[in-house]
């Protein structure tokens, strides 16, 4: 079995900021005009909006966040987590707590400019959470076409 490497630098700050609900740690590494995309919304502008969404998520959901993978090189990075979640703490953007729980494997795809995160895209590998919030009324983006490195 391969030996895991613990995150350092930017990957550590992204993971711990999310997992520990300490997104103020991101002030030095996430650009104020970051663009966020996820199954819950597209082209959300600003670090404050990203941090606010995460704070709201932590307020509404009981969470355990396991680090699965991380990588940062050049103008790109990723942090993959497995969320163990239960919506039992309170309302989330108008969705009352239902007690529903599940897991969600998510990768934060990071675009970097001058060492700062300028794009933060959430890609889901499992859909418990995405399906749950969609079923509760949050509209999911469709026909999304991000810029391609190579068009095939």
N, C-alpha and C. Protein backbone atom coordinates (compact mmCIF):
# COMPACT_ATOMS: atom_id res chain seq x y z
N UNK A 1 0.85 -1.17 0.00
CA UNK A 1 0.00 0.00 0.00
C UNK A 1 0.90 1.24 0.00
N UNK A 2 0.62 2.21 -0.90
CA UNK A 2 1.45 3.41 -0.96
C UNK A 2 1.33 4.24 0.32
N UNK A 3 2.40 4.93 0.61
CA UNK A 3 2.40 5.82 1.75
C UNK A 3 1.78 7.15 1.35
N UNK A 4 0.83 7.63 2.14
CA UNK A 4 0.18 8.90 1.85
C UNK A 4 1.12 10.06 2.19
N UNK A 5 1.02 11.11 1.40
CA UNK A 5 1.76 12.32 1.73
C UNK A 5 0.77 13.32 2.31
N UNK A 6 1.14 13.91 3.41
CA UNK A 6 0.27 14.91 4.02
C UNK A 6 0.37 16.21 3.25
N UNK A 7 -0.74 16.92 3.14
CA UNK A 7 -0.70 18.16 2.37
C UNK A 7 0.15 19.22 3.06
N UNK A 8 0.73 20.07 2.25
CA UNK A 8 1.47 21.22 2.75
C UNK A 8 1.01 22.43 1.97
N UNK A 9 1.36 23.59 2.45
CA UNK A 9 1.10 24.82 1.72
C UNK A 9 -0.34 25.01 1.34
N UNK A 10 -0.57 25.35 0.07
CA UNK A 10 -1.88 25.69 -0.43
C UNK A 10 -2.88 24.55 -0.26
N UNK A 11 -2.49 23.33 -0.57
CA UNK A 11 -3.41 22.19 -0.44
C UNK A 11 -3.86 22.02 1.01
N UNK A 12 -2.93 22.17 1.93
CA UNK A 12 -3.27 22.04 3.35
C UNK A 12 -4.25 23.13 3.77
N UNK A 13 -4.01 24.36 3.33
CA UNK A 13 -4.89 25.47 3.70
C UNK A 13 -6.29 25.30 3.12
N UNK A 14 -6.38 24.81 1.88
CA UNK A 14 -7.70 24.57 1.28
C UNK A 14 -8.42 23.47 2.05
N UNK A 15 -7.76 22.33 2.27
CA UNK A 15 -8.38 21.22 2.98
C UNK A 15 -8.79 21.63 4.40
N UNK A 16 -7.85 22.16 5.18
CA UNK A 16 -8.15 22.47 6.57
C UNK A 16 -9.14 23.63 6.69
N UNK A 17 -9.04 24.61 5.81
CA UNK A 17 -10.00 25.70 5.83
C UNK A 17 -11.42 25.19 5.64
N UNK A 18 -11.57 24.24 4.70
CA UNK A 18 -12.89 23.65 4.45
C UNK A 18 -13.29 22.73 5.59
N UNK A 19 -12.44 21.77 5.93
CA UNK A 19 -12.78 20.75 6.92
C UNK A 19 -13.06 21.33 8.30
N UNK A 20 -12.29 22.34 8.67
CA UNK A 20 -12.40 22.91 10.02
C UNK A 20 -13.26 24.17 10.06
N UNK A 21 -13.86 24.53 8.92
CA UNK A 21 -14.68 25.74 8.82
C UNK A 21 -13.88 26.96 9.24
N UNK A 22 -12.66 27.02 8.72
CA UNK A 22 -11.76 28.13 9.01
C UNK A 22 -11.35 28.80 7.70
N UNK A 23 -12.34 29.21 6.94
CA UNK A 23 -12.05 29.76 5.62
C UNK A 23 -11.34 31.10 5.65
N UNK A 24 -11.29 31.75 6.82
CA UNK A 24 -10.51 32.98 6.92
C UNK A 24 -9.03 32.71 6.62
N UNK A 25 -8.61 31.44 6.77
CA UNK A 25 -7.25 31.04 6.42
C UNK A 25 -6.99 31.24 4.93
N UNK A 26 -8.04 31.30 4.15
CA UNK A 26 -7.92 31.42 2.70
C UNK A 26 -7.66 32.84 2.24
N UNK A 27 -7.76 33.80 3.12
CA UNK A 27 -7.60 35.20 2.70
C UNK A 27 -6.27 35.44 1.99
N UNK A 28 -5.24 34.71 2.38
CA UNK A 28 -3.91 34.89 1.78
C UNK A 28 -3.70 34.08 0.51
N UNK A 29 -4.59 33.12 0.24
CA UNK A 29 -4.35 32.22 -0.91
C UNK A 29 -5.48 32.19 -1.93
N UNK A 30 -6.65 32.70 -1.57
CA UNK A 30 -7.79 32.72 -2.50
C UNK A 30 -8.02 34.18 -2.90
N UNK A 31 -7.99 34.42 -4.20
CA UNK A 31 -8.15 35.77 -4.73
C UNK A 31 -9.53 36.32 -4.36
N UNK A 32 -9.62 37.61 -4.03
CA UNK A 32 -10.92 38.19 -3.69
C UNK A 32 -11.97 38.05 -4.79
N UNK A 33 -11.54 37.93 -6.05
CA UNK A 33 -12.46 37.81 -7.18
C UNK A 33 -12.55 36.38 -7.72
N UNK A 34 -12.23 35.39 -6.88
CA UNK A 34 -12.29 33.99 -7.31
C UNK A 34 -13.66 33.69 -7.91
N UNK A 35 -13.69 32.82 -8.91
CA UNK A 35 -14.93 32.35 -9.51
C UNK A 35 -15.15 30.91 -9.06
N UNK A 36 -16.33 30.65 -8.50
CA UNK A 36 -16.67 29.32 -7.99
C UNK A 36 -17.74 28.69 -8.85
N UNK A 37 -17.55 27.40 -9.16
CA UNK A 37 -18.54 26.61 -9.88
C UNK A 37 -18.75 25.30 -9.13
N UNK A 38 -20.01 24.86 -9.08
CA UNK A 38 -20.33 23.61 -8.39
C UNK A 38 -21.66 23.09 -8.89
N UNK A 39 -22.07 21.90 -8.43
CA UNK A 39 -23.40 21.42 -8.78
C UNK A 39 -24.52 22.29 -8.22
N UNK A 40 -24.19 23.22 -7.31
CA UNK A 40 -25.20 24.10 -6.73
C UNK A 40 -25.22 25.49 -7.38
N UNK A 41 -24.29 25.77 -8.28
CA UNK A 41 -24.30 27.08 -8.91
C UNK A 41 -23.08 27.31 -9.78
N UNK A 42 -23.20 28.23 -10.72
CA UNK A 42 -22.13 28.52 -11.67
C UNK A 42 -21.77 30.00 -11.62
N UNK A 43 -20.50 30.25 -11.85
CA UNK A 43 -19.99 31.62 -11.99
C UNK A 43 -20.31 32.50 -10.78
N UNK A 44 -20.14 31.92 -9.60
CA UNK A 44 -20.34 32.67 -8.36
C UNK A 44 -19.06 33.45 -8.10
N UNK A 45 -19.18 34.76 -8.02
CA UNK A 45 -18.01 35.63 -7.96
C UNK A 45 -17.68 36.03 -6.53
N UNK A 46 -16.40 35.88 -6.18
CA UNK A 46 -15.89 36.46 -4.96
C UNK A 46 -15.56 35.47 -3.85
N UNK A 47 -14.48 35.78 -3.15
CA UNK A 47 -14.06 34.98 -2.00
C UNK A 47 -15.11 35.03 -0.89
N UNK A 48 -15.71 36.20 -0.68
CA UNK A 48 -16.73 36.31 0.36
C UNK A 48 -17.90 35.36 0.10
N UNK A 49 -18.31 35.25 -1.16
CA UNK A 49 -19.42 34.35 -1.51
C UNK A 49 -19.02 32.89 -1.26
N UNK A 50 -17.80 32.52 -1.65
CA UNK A 50 -17.31 31.15 -1.42
C UNK A 50 -17.25 30.85 0.08
N UNK A 51 -16.66 31.76 0.84
CA UNK A 51 -16.55 31.55 2.28
C UNK A 51 -17.93 31.52 2.93
N UNK A 52 -18.84 32.36 2.50
CA UNK A 52 -20.19 32.38 3.05
C UNK A 52 -20.94 31.09 2.80
N UNK A 53 -20.76 30.54 1.60
CA UNK A 53 -21.41 29.27 1.26
C UNK A 53 -20.90 28.17 2.19
N UNK A 54 -19.59 28.12 2.40
CA UNK A 54 -19.01 27.09 3.24
C UNK A 54 -19.45 27.26 4.69
N UNK A 55 -19.49 28.49 5.18
CA UNK A 55 -19.97 28.74 6.54
C UNK A 55 -21.42 28.27 6.68
N UNK A 56 -22.27 28.56 5.69
CA UNK A 56 -23.67 28.13 5.72
C UNK A 56 -23.76 26.60 5.70
N UNK A 57 -22.89 25.97 4.92
CA UNK A 57 -22.88 24.50 4.84
C UNK A 57 -22.54 23.90 6.20
N UNK A 58 -21.52 24.42 6.84
CA UNK A 58 -21.14 23.92 8.16
C UNK A 58 -22.23 24.18 9.20
N UNK A 59 -22.93 25.29 9.10
CA UNK A 59 -23.98 25.60 10.06
C UNK A 59 -25.17 24.65 9.93
N UNK A 60 -25.42 24.16 8.73
CA UNK A 60 -26.59 23.31 8.48
C UNK A 60 -26.30 21.82 8.55
N UNK A 61 -25.06 21.43 8.24
CA UNK A 61 -24.73 20.02 8.12
C UNK A 61 -23.71 19.60 9.18
N UNK A 62 -23.94 18.45 9.77
CA UNK A 62 -22.90 17.81 10.60
C UNK A 62 -21.95 17.14 9.62
N UNK A 63 -20.65 17.40 9.76
CA UNK A 63 -19.69 16.95 8.76
C UNK A 63 -18.48 16.26 9.38
N UNK A 64 -17.99 15.28 8.66
CA UNK A 64 -16.62 14.80 8.83
C UNK A 64 -16.03 14.84 7.43
N UNK A 65 -14.84 15.41 7.30
CA UNK A 65 -14.23 15.61 5.98
C UNK A 65 -12.91 14.86 5.95
N UNK A 66 -12.87 13.77 5.17
CA UNK A 66 -11.65 12.98 5.01
C UNK A 66 -10.89 13.45 3.78
N UNK A 67 -9.58 13.63 3.91
CA UNK A 67 -8.75 13.97 2.77
C UNK A 67 -8.45 12.71 1.98
N UNK A 68 -8.72 12.73 0.69
CA UNK A 68 -8.49 11.58 -0.18
C UNK A 68 -7.24 11.80 -1.04
N UNK A 69 -7.08 13.01 -1.59
CA UNK A 69 -5.93 13.28 -2.46
C UNK A 69 -5.71 14.78 -2.54
N UNK A 70 -4.54 15.16 -2.97
CA UNK A 70 -4.22 16.57 -3.16
C UNK A 70 -3.03 16.68 -4.11
N UNK A 71 -3.00 17.81 -4.81
CA UNK A 71 -1.93 18.03 -5.77
C UNK A 71 -1.92 19.52 -6.12
N UNK A 72 -0.77 20.11 -6.13
CA UNK A 72 -0.62 21.49 -6.58
C UNK A 72 0.65 21.58 -7.40
N UNK A 73 0.53 22.10 -8.62
CA UNK A 73 1.70 22.29 -9.48
C UNK A 73 1.37 23.37 -10.51
N UNK A 74 2.27 24.31 -10.63
CA UNK A 74 2.08 25.35 -11.65
C UNK A 74 0.82 26.14 -11.43
N UNK A 75 -0.04 26.14 -12.44
CA UNK A 75 -1.26 26.96 -12.37
C UNK A 75 -2.50 26.14 -12.02
N UNK A 76 -2.29 24.92 -11.49
CA UNK A 76 -3.42 24.05 -11.15
C UNK A 76 -3.19 23.33 -9.84
N UNK A 77 -4.30 22.96 -9.22
CA UNK A 77 -4.24 22.13 -8.03
C UNK A 77 -5.56 21.40 -7.87
N UNK A 78 -5.55 20.43 -6.98
CA UNK A 78 -6.78 19.74 -6.62
C UNK A 78 -6.68 19.27 -5.18
N UNK A 79 -7.83 19.22 -4.56
CA UNK A 79 -7.98 18.64 -3.23
C UNK A 79 -9.24 17.79 -3.30
N UNK A 80 -9.09 16.48 -3.05
CA UNK A 80 -10.23 15.57 -3.08
C UNK A 80 -10.57 15.16 -1.65
N UNK A 81 -11.86 15.26 -1.32
CA UNK A 81 -12.33 14.92 0.01
C UNK A 81 -13.52 13.98 -0.08
N UNK A 82 -13.75 13.25 1.01
CA UNK A 82 -14.98 12.50 1.16
C UNK A 82 -15.75 13.14 2.31
N UNK A 83 -16.88 13.73 1.98
CA UNK A 83 -17.73 14.34 3.00
C UNK A 83 -18.66 13.27 3.56
N UNK A 84 -18.66 13.14 4.87
CA UNK A 84 -19.65 12.33 5.58
C UNK A 84 -20.59 13.38 6.18
N UNK A 85 -21.81 13.47 5.68
CA UNK A 85 -22.69 14.58 6.02
C UNK A 85 -24.04 14.13 6.53
N UNK A 86 -24.61 14.96 7.36
CA UNK A 86 -25.99 14.77 7.82
C UNK A 86 -26.61 16.16 7.93
N UNK A 87 -27.74 16.35 7.29
CA UNK A 87 -28.41 17.66 7.33
C UNK A 87 -29.32 17.67 8.56
N UNK A 88 -28.69 17.96 9.70
CA UNK A 88 -29.45 17.91 10.96
C UNK A 88 -29.21 19.11 11.87
N UNK A 89 -28.52 20.13 11.39
CA UNK A 89 -28.21 21.28 12.26
C UNK A 89 -29.12 22.47 12.04
N UNK A 90 -29.57 22.67 10.83
CA UNK A 90 -30.39 23.85 10.56
C UNK A 90 -30.65 24.01 9.08
N UNK A 91 -31.28 25.12 8.74
CA UNK A 91 -31.64 25.39 7.36
C UNK A 91 -30.40 25.70 6.53
N UNK A 92 -30.47 25.32 5.26
CA UNK A 92 -29.39 25.59 4.31
C UNK A 92 -30.00 26.28 3.10
N UNK A 93 -29.78 27.59 2.99
CA UNK A 93 -30.34 28.39 1.91
C UNK A 93 -31.82 28.09 1.69
N UNK A 94 -32.56 28.09 2.79
CA UNK A 94 -34.00 27.88 2.74
C UNK A 94 -34.45 26.43 2.84
N UNK A 95 -33.53 25.51 2.80
CA UNK A 95 -33.88 24.08 2.92
C UNK A 95 -33.79 23.69 4.39
N UNK A 96 -34.92 23.37 4.99
CA UNK A 96 -34.93 22.97 6.40
C UNK A 96 -34.22 21.64 6.57
N UNK A 97 -33.62 21.44 7.74
CA UNK A 97 -32.92 20.19 8.04
C UNK A 97 -33.90 19.02 7.97
N UNK A 98 -33.46 17.94 7.34
CA UNK A 98 -34.31 16.75 7.17
C UNK A 98 -33.77 15.53 7.91
N UNK A 99 -32.53 15.60 8.38
CA UNK A 99 -31.90 14.44 8.98
C UNK A 99 -31.26 13.51 7.96
N UNK A 100 -31.46 13.80 6.67
CA UNK A 100 -30.86 12.99 5.61
C UNK A 100 -29.34 12.99 5.76
N UNK A 101 -28.70 11.87 5.45
CA UNK A 101 -27.26 11.78 5.54
C UNK A 101 -26.70 10.99 4.37
N UNK A 102 -25.40 11.10 4.19
CA UNK A 102 -24.75 10.37 3.11
C UNK A 102 -23.28 10.68 3.06
N UNK A 103 -22.66 10.29 1.97
CA UNK A 103 -21.27 10.62 1.71
C UNK A 103 -21.20 11.26 0.33
N UNK A 104 -20.18 12.03 0.15
CA UNK A 104 -19.99 12.67 -1.14
C UNK A 104 -18.50 12.85 -1.39
N UNK A 105 -18.00 12.22 -2.43
CA UNK A 105 -16.61 12.38 -2.82
C UNK A 105 -16.55 13.57 -3.77
N UNK A 106 -15.78 14.58 -3.39
CA UNK A 106 -15.72 15.81 -4.16
C UNK A 106 -14.27 16.22 -4.37
N UNK A 107 -13.99 16.73 -5.55
CA UNK A 107 -12.67 17.28 -5.85
C UNK A 107 -12.82 18.77 -6.09
N UNK A 108 -12.00 19.53 -5.38
CA UNK A 108 -11.92 20.96 -5.61
C UNK A 108 -10.81 21.17 -6.65
N UNK A 109 -11.21 21.53 -7.86
CA UNK A 109 -10.27 21.80 -8.93
C UNK A 109 -9.91 23.28 -8.84
N UNK A 110 -8.64 23.55 -8.64
CA UNK A 110 -8.18 24.90 -8.37
C UNK A 110 -7.40 25.46 -9.55
N UNK A 111 -7.79 26.63 -10.02
CA UNK A 111 -7.01 27.37 -11.00
C UNK A 111 -6.21 28.42 -10.25
N UNK A 112 -4.92 28.51 -10.54
CA UNK A 112 -4.03 29.40 -9.80
C UNK A 112 -3.43 30.45 -10.72
N UNK A 113 -3.33 31.66 -10.21
CA UNK A 113 -2.63 32.74 -10.88
C UNK A 113 -1.74 33.40 -9.84
N UNK A 114 -0.45 33.45 -10.13
CA UNK A 114 0.52 34.03 -9.20
C UNK A 114 0.38 33.45 -7.80
N UNK A 115 0.13 32.14 -7.72
CA UNK A 115 0.06 31.44 -6.44
C UNK A 115 -1.24 31.60 -5.68
N UNK A 116 -2.22 32.30 -6.28
CA UNK A 116 -3.52 32.48 -5.62
C UNK A 116 -4.60 31.73 -6.40
N UNK A 117 -5.57 31.18 -5.66
CA UNK A 117 -6.69 30.48 -6.27
C UNK A 117 -7.61 31.51 -6.92
N UNK A 118 -7.76 31.39 -8.24
CA UNK A 118 -8.64 32.30 -8.98
C UNK A 118 -9.88 31.59 -9.51
N UNK A 119 -9.85 30.27 -9.52
CA UNK A 119 -11.06 29.50 -9.84
C UNK A 119 -11.11 28.30 -8.90
N UNK A 120 -12.32 28.01 -8.42
CA UNK A 120 -12.57 26.96 -7.45
C UNK A 120 -13.78 26.19 -7.97
N UNK A 121 -13.53 25.03 -8.56
CA UNK A 121 -14.60 24.24 -9.15
C UNK A 121 -14.78 22.96 -8.36
N UNK A 122 -16.00 22.69 -7.95
CA UNK A 122 -16.32 21.48 -7.20
C UNK A 122 -16.82 20.43 -8.20
N UNK A 123 -16.10 19.31 -8.27
CA UNK A 123 -16.49 18.21 -9.15
C UNK A 123 -16.85 17.02 -8.27
N UNK A 124 -18.06 16.50 -8.44
CA UNK A 124 -18.54 15.38 -7.62
C UNK A 124 -18.27 14.06 -8.31
N UNK A 125 -17.68 13.13 -7.55
CA UNK A 125 -17.50 11.77 -8.05
C UNK A 125 -18.60 10.83 -7.57
N UNK A 126 -19.26 11.21 -6.49
CA UNK A 126 -20.46 10.50 -6.04
C UNK A 126 -21.53 11.56 -5.83
N UNK A 127 -22.78 11.18 -5.87
CA UNK A 127 -23.81 12.20 -6.02
C UNK A 127 -24.80 12.29 -4.86
N UNK A 128 -24.53 11.66 -3.71
CA UNK A 128 -25.47 11.74 -2.59
C UNK A 128 -25.86 13.18 -2.30
N UNK A 129 -24.89 14.02 -2.09
CA UNK A 129 -25.16 15.40 -1.70
C UNK A 129 -25.78 16.19 -2.85
N UNK A 130 -25.24 16.07 -4.04
CA UNK A 130 -25.77 16.81 -5.19
C UNK A 130 -27.23 16.43 -5.45
N UNK A 131 -27.55 15.15 -5.39
CA UNK A 131 -28.94 14.72 -5.60
C UNK A 131 -29.82 15.23 -4.47
N UNK A 132 -29.33 15.15 -3.24
CA UNK A 132 -30.11 15.61 -2.10
C UNK A 132 -30.47 17.09 -2.24
N UNK A 133 -29.48 17.95 -2.49
CA UNK A 133 -29.81 19.37 -2.54
C UNK A 133 -30.68 19.70 -3.77
N UNK A 134 -30.51 18.94 -4.85
CA UNK A 134 -31.38 19.13 -6.01
C UNK A 134 -32.81 18.73 -5.67
N UNK A 135 -32.98 17.59 -5.01
CA UNK A 135 -34.32 17.15 -4.62
C UNK A 135 -34.99 18.12 -3.65
N UNK A 136 -34.20 18.88 -2.92
CA UNK A 136 -34.75 19.85 -1.97
C UNK A 136 -35.03 21.20 -2.62
N UNK A 137 -34.70 21.36 -3.90
CA UNK A 137 -35.09 22.56 -4.62
C UNK A 137 -33.98 23.44 -5.14
N UNK A 138 -32.72 23.12 -4.86
CA UNK A 138 -31.63 23.92 -5.43
C UNK A 138 -31.42 23.46 -6.87
N UNK A 139 -31.52 24.40 -7.80
CA UNK A 139 -31.38 24.08 -9.21
C UNK A 139 -29.93 23.72 -9.53
N UNK A 140 -29.76 22.66 -10.29
CA UNK A 140 -28.42 22.23 -10.70
C UNK A 140 -28.13 22.76 -12.10
N UNK A 141 -26.92 23.27 -12.29
CA UNK A 141 -26.54 23.72 -13.63
C UNK A 141 -26.58 22.54 -14.62
N UNK A 142 -26.90 22.84 -15.86
CA UNK A 142 -26.88 21.80 -16.88
C UNK A 142 -26.18 22.33 -18.13
N UNK A 143 -25.76 21.42 -18.97
CA UNK A 143 -25.07 21.77 -20.22
C UNK A 143 -23.87 22.67 -19.97
N UNK A 144 -23.12 22.32 -18.93
CA UNK A 144 -21.94 23.08 -18.56
C UNK A 144 -20.79 22.71 -19.48
N UNK A 145 -20.09 23.69 -20.01
CA UNK A 145 -18.95 23.46 -20.89
C UNK A 145 -17.78 24.33 -20.44
N UNK A 146 -16.94 23.80 -19.55
CA UNK A 146 -15.77 24.60 -19.13
C UNK A 146 -14.76 24.69 -20.26
N UNK A 147 -13.84 25.65 -20.17
CA UNK A 147 -12.80 25.75 -21.19
C UNK A 147 -11.96 24.47 -21.23
N UNK A 148 -11.69 23.97 -22.40
CA UNK A 148 -10.92 22.73 -22.55
C UNK A 148 -9.45 23.04 -22.78
N UNK A 149 -8.60 22.22 -22.19
CA UNK A 149 -7.18 22.30 -22.48
C UNK A 149 -6.91 21.84 -23.91
N UNK A 150 -7.61 20.76 -24.29
CA UNK A 150 -7.54 20.24 -25.65
C UNK A 150 -8.97 19.88 -26.05
N UNK A 151 -9.45 20.41 -27.15
CA UNK A 151 -10.77 20.06 -27.64
C UNK A 151 -10.64 18.81 -28.50
N UNK A 152 -11.46 17.82 -28.19
CA UNK A 152 -11.36 16.55 -28.90
C UNK A 152 -12.50 16.33 -29.83
